Amino acid sequence: MMFEMKKALTGSTGARVVKMATLAAGFLLAVGVVQARAQAVATGNGKLGPAAPVTYANKWELYGGINLMTFQAGQNLPKRMNLGGGEILGTYWITDKIGIAADYRGEAGTTPVVANPYTTRPLVYMNMGMAGAQYRGPKNQHAALNYHAYGGVAHGVFDSSTGNIPAQFNNVGLYSNRTKPIFALGASIDFNRSKRLAVRLSPDLIIEHFGTETREFFAISGGVVYRFGKK
């Protein structure tokens, strides 16, 4: 099973998935903004507010957004890199406060490497699949605070732009392509624009073990939440 997962996430397929996830996140964000404006109505004091009461009575929740993350693409590389891409998260709310979730993130970026005459910032991309839980904390008509913990695997492709480097210079400090455990611990705040739509900001602590030790990184995501289904 792990071999099939690894094969599915490698090569050009992984790059296409990253691109599709990013486009999907951008589309959801644009739809959310348009619908939020269309559904906003004037309140008694002249301010704009949600069109209908936000009850959080939904059974399902879909999130799409843009995700940024720091990472280190080699065990002994002196500098970290930045990854950017898309995130798609689906949640099934078992109770008013507890939901089970499945999360996909696809990201890419360039990284500094050991000095060599052939490349300075080769491309790295990563596909992450995780599952876990969300806990809904304080909430009201305007916003909600959620906590989450996800765990799964990440497949990193580190040789996508180093194929032209001669063998004697091939050790530029990057990891080999590999699939390793990864965890995301964090929270999110949802700013409600209607009963079904909200704008989300979600920071994460990322824990991974691509090398010989466990390392921690920072990630942040922003996008649109769509709630649907009745309990």
Protein backbone atom coordinates (compact mmCIF):
# COMPACT_ATOMS: atom_id res chain seq x y z
CA MET A 1 0.00 0.00 0.00
CA MET A 2 2.81 2.43 0.88
CA PHE A 3 4.50 1.63 -2.47
CA GLU A 4 1.32 2.47 -4.37
CA MET A 5 0.87 5.71 -2.43
CA LYS A 6 4.48 6.70 -3.06
CA LYS A 7 4.18 5.89 -6.76
CA ALA A 8 0.99 7.93 -7.05
CA LEU A 9 2.60 11.00 -5.54
CA THR A 10 5.82 11.03 -7.55
CA GLY A 11 6.87 12.52 -10.90
CA SER A 12 4.69 14.70 -13.10
CA THR A 13 1.51 13.49 -11.39
CA GLY A 14 2.56 15.17 -8.16
CA ALA A 15 3.26 18.44 -9.96
CA ARG A 16 -0.17 18.34 -11.63
CA VAL A 17 -1.87 17.68 -8.29
CA VAL A 18 -0.10 20.66 -6.71
CA LYS A 19 -1.23 22.88 -9.59
CA MET A 20 -4.82 21.60 -9.47
CA ALA A 21 -5.03 22.06 -5.69
CA THR A 22 -3.77 25.64 -5.96
CA LEU A 23 -6.27 26.48 -8.73
CA ALA A 24 -9.11 24.90 -6.75
CA ALA A 25 -8.20 26.91 -3.66
CA GLY A 26 -8.14 30.14 -5.66
CA PHE A 27 -11.52 29.34 -7.21
CA LEU A 28 -13.11 28.63 -3.81
CA LEU A 29 -11.69 31.86 -2.43
CA ALA A 30 -13.11 33.88 -5.34
CA VAL A 31 -16.54 32.23 -5.02
CA GLY A 32 -16.56 32.90 -1.28
CA VAL A 33 -15.84 36.60 -1.71
CA VAL A 34 -18.55 37.02 -4.39
CA GLN A 35 -21.21 35.17 -2.39
CA ALA A 36 -20.28 36.94 0.83
CA ARG A 37 -20.83 40.31 -0.83
CA ALA A 38 -24.09 39.19 -2.41
CA GLN A 39 -25.51 37.86 0.86
CA ALA A 40 -24.46 40.71 3.15
CA VAL A 41 -27.39 42.90 4.29
CA ALA A 42 -27.65 46.13 6.21
CA THR A 43 -28.33 45.87 9.94
CA GLY A 44 -30.23 48.39 12.08
CA ASN A 45 -27.14 50.48 12.83
CA GLY A 46 -26.10 50.70 9.20
CA LYS A 47 -23.32 48.12 9.34
CA LEU A 48 -23.01 44.99 7.22
CA GLY A 49 -23.59 41.60 8.80
CA PRO A 50 -24.37 37.98 7.92
CA ALA A 51 -27.61 37.41 6.01
CA ALA A 52 -28.89 34.67 8.36
CA PRO A 53 -28.09 33.44 11.88
CA VAL A 54 -25.00 31.24 12.04
CA THR A 55 -26.02 28.11 13.96
CA TYR A 56 -23.07 25.76 13.30
CA ALA A 57 -25.65 23.00 12.81
CA ASN A 58 -23.94 21.66 9.69
CA LYS A 59 -22.86 18.03 9.36
CA TRP A 60 -20.16 18.60 6.73
CA GLU A 61 -17.55 21.26 6.13
CA LEU A 62 -15.25 21.81 3.14
CA TYR A 63 -12.25 24.11 3.21
CA GLY A 64 -10.03 25.22 0.33
CA GLY A 65 -7.16 27.63 0.65
CA ILE A 66 -3.60 28.68 -0.09
CA ASN A 67 -0.93 27.24 2.19
CA LEU A 68 2.61 28.46 2.97
CA MET A 69 5.18 26.41 4.89
CA THR A 70 8.84 26.52 5.89
CA PHE A 71 10.99 23.42 5.39
CA GLN A 72 14.57 22.16 5.20
CA ALA A 73 15.22 20.06 2.10
CA GLY A 74 18.38 18.33 3.33
CA GLN A 75 19.80 17.05 6.59
CA ASN A 76 22.81 19.39 6.60
CA LEU A 77 21.66 22.31 4.48
CA PRO A 78 22.44 25.57 6.30
CA LYS A 79 19.25 27.41 5.29
CA ARG A 80 15.55 26.69 5.25
CA MET A 81 13.23 27.11 2.28
CA ASN A 82 9.66 28.29 1.68
CA LEU A 83 6.98 26.10 0.14
CA GLY A 84 3.71 27.39 -1.28
CA GLY A 85 0.64 25.66 -2.66
CA GLY A 86 -2.91 24.61 -1.89
CA GLU A 87 -4.83 22.84 0.85
CA ILE A 88 -8.15 20.96 0.77
CA LEU A 89 -9.77 19.85 4.03
CA GLY A 90 -12.99 17.93 4.59
CA THR A 91 -14.61 17.59 8.03
CA TYR A 92 -17.50 15.49 9.29
CA TRP A 93 -18.91 16.87 12.55
CA ILE A 94 -19.82 14.00 14.88
CA THR A 95 -21.06 16.40 17.57
CA ASP A 96 -21.35 20.18 17.87
CA LYS A 97 -17.73 20.31 19.01
CA ILE A 98 -15.88 17.26 17.60
CA GLY A 99 -15.24 16.51 13.94
CA ILE A 100 -13.11 14.00 12.04
CA ALA A 101 -11.11 15.42 9.18
CA ALA A 102 -9.09 14.46 6.08
CA ASP A 103 -6.52 16.93 4.78
CA TYR A 104 -4.45 17.18 1.58
CA ARG A 105 -1.69 19.70 0.94
CA GLY A 106 0.39 20.06 -2.21
CA GLU A 107 3.26 22.51 -2.23
CA ALA A 108 6.39 23.47 -4.15
CA GLY A 109 9.34 25.83 -3.83
CA THR A 110 13.03 26.34 -4.54
CA THR A 111 15.74 25.67 -1.99
CA PRO A 112 19.36 26.77 -1.43
CA VAL A 113 21.87 23.91 -1.73
CA VAL A 114 25.55 23.15 -1.24
CA ALA A 115 27.70 25.26 -3.58
CA ASN A 116 28.15 23.66 -7.02
CA PRO A 117 28.64 24.92 -10.61
CA TYR A 118 25.28 23.62 -11.92
CA THR A 119 22.40 24.81 -9.74
CA THR A 120 21.75 27.27 -6.94
CA ARG A 121 18.04 26.84 -6.15
CA PRO A 122 16.56 23.58 -7.45
CA LEU A 123 12.82 22.92 -7.29
CA VAL A 124 11.34 20.78 -4.51
CA TYR A 125 7.73 19.74 -4.21
CA MET A 126 5.79 17.83 -1.61
CA ASN A 127 2.44 16.06 -1.32
CA MET A 128 0.93 15.54 2.13
CA GLY A 129 -2.05 13.43 3.15
CA MET A 130 -3.24 13.54 6.76
CA ALA A 131 -6.24 12.64 8.90
CA GLY A 132 -7.23 13.68 12.39
CA ALA A 133 -9.73 15.70 14.38
CA GLN A 134 -11.05 19.22 14.86
CA TYR A 135 -12.40 20.61 18.11
CA ARG A 136 -14.70 23.64 17.93
CA GLY A 137 -13.97 26.08 20.72
CA PRO A 138 -15.49 29.50 21.47
CA LYS A 139 -17.95 30.67 18.83
CA ASN A 140 -20.59 33.30 18.17
CA GLN A 141 -22.50 34.85 15.29
CA HIS A 142 -19.40 36.45 13.83
CA ALA A 143 -16.49 34.04 14.38
CA ALA A 144 -15.42 30.63 15.66
CA LEU A 145 -12.14 29.28 17.00
CA ASN A 146 -11.20 25.67 16.15
CA TYR A 147 -8.31 23.48 17.25
CA HIS A 148 -6.94 20.60 15.19
CA ALA A 149 -4.42 17.77 15.15
CA TYR A 150 -3.61 15.82 11.97
CA GLY A 151 -1.13 13.07 11.22
CA GLY A 152 -0.14 11.18 8.07
CA VAL A 153 2.58 10.94 5.46
CA ALA A 154 4.38 13.37 3.17
CA HIS A 155 6.16 12.47 -0.05
CA GLY A 156 8.95 14.81 -1.06
CA VAL A 157 10.42 15.00 -4.56
CA PHE A 158 13.89 16.55 -4.41
CA ASP A 159 15.40 15.65 -7.80
CA SER A 160 12.89 17.25 -10.17
CA SER A 161 15.41 19.85 -11.43
CA THR A 162 18.77 18.20 -10.74
CA GLY A 163 18.75 15.59 -13.50
CA ASN A 164 21.33 17.45 -15.58
CA ILE A 165 23.95 17.50 -12.82
CA PRO A 166 26.87 15.08 -13.44
CA ALA A 167 27.22 12.24 -10.95
CA GLN A 168 30.36 13.68 -9.35
CA PHE A 169 28.41 16.83 -8.41
CA ASN A 170 25.09 15.16 -7.65
CA ASN A 171 25.44 15.43 -3.89
CA VAL A 172 24.22 19.00 -3.39
CA GLY A 173 22.82 18.38 0.08
CA LEU A 174 19.24 17.41 -0.80
CA TYR A 175 17.31 14.46 0.58
CA SER A 176 16.60 11.60 -1.77
CA ASN A 177 12.95 11.23 -2.80
CA ARG A 178 11.13 9.69 0.17
CA THR A 179 7.87 9.27 2.06
CA LYS A 180 7.95 10.09 5.77
CA PRO A 181 5.59 10.78 8.71
CA ILE A 182 4.27 14.30 9.18
CA PHE A 183 1.99 15.99 11.72
CA ALA A 184 0.16 19.34 11.82
CA LEU A 185 -0.92 20.82 15.15
CA GLY A 186 -2.69 24.15 15.24
CA ALA A 187 -5.83 26.23 15.30
CA SER A 188 -8.03 28.16 12.92
CA ILE A 189 -10.32 31.14 13.21
CA ASP A 190 -13.36 31.40 10.96
CA PHE A 191 -14.82 34.83 10.17
CA ASN A 192 -18.44 34.20 9.19
CA ARG A 193 -19.80 35.86 6.09
CA SER A 194 -23.06 33.90 6.03
CA LYS A 195 -24.63 30.80 7.56
CA ARG A 196 -22.67 28.61 5.15
CA LEU A 197 -19.60 30.63 4.22
CA ALA A 198 -16.65 31.78 6.30
CA VAL A 199 -13.14 33.08 5.69
CA ARG A 200 -10.51 31.05 7.55
CA LEU A 201 -6.99 31.78 8.79
CA SER A 202 -5.12 28.74 10.12
CA PRO A 203 -1.53 28.60 11.50
CA ASP A 204 0.19 25.25 12.15
CA LEU A 205 3.18 23.71 13.87
CA ILE A 206 4.53 21.12 11.43
CA ILE A 207 6.48 18.14 12.81
CA GLU A 208 8.34 15.88 10.36
CA HIS A 209 11.05 13.22 10.30
CA PHE A 210 12.58 13.34 6.82
CA GLY A 211 16.13 13.12 8.13
CA THR A 212 17.79 11.55 11.14
CA GLU A 213 15.93 13.72 13.64
CA THR A 214 12.51 15.22 14.25
CA ARG A 215 12.20 18.83 13.12
CA GLU A 216 9.56 21.52 13.56
CA PHE A 217 8.42 24.09 11.01
CA PHE A 218 5.73 26.74 10.63
CA ALA A 219 2.83 26.76 8.19
CA ILE A 220 -0.12 29.09 7.64
CA SER A 221 -3.18 28.72 5.46
CA GLY A 222 -5.92 31.10 4.36
CA GLY A 223 -9.07 30.41 2.39
CA VAL A 224 -12.82 29.74 2.39
CA VAL A 225 -14.99 27.37 4.45
CA TYR A 226 -18.27 26.04 3.06
CA ARG A 227 -20.70 24.38 5.51
CA PHE A 228 -23.50 22.07 4.38
CA GLY A 229 -25.73 19.21 5.49
CA LYS A 230 -27.96 19.02 8.56
CA LYS A 231 -27.29 16.89 11.65
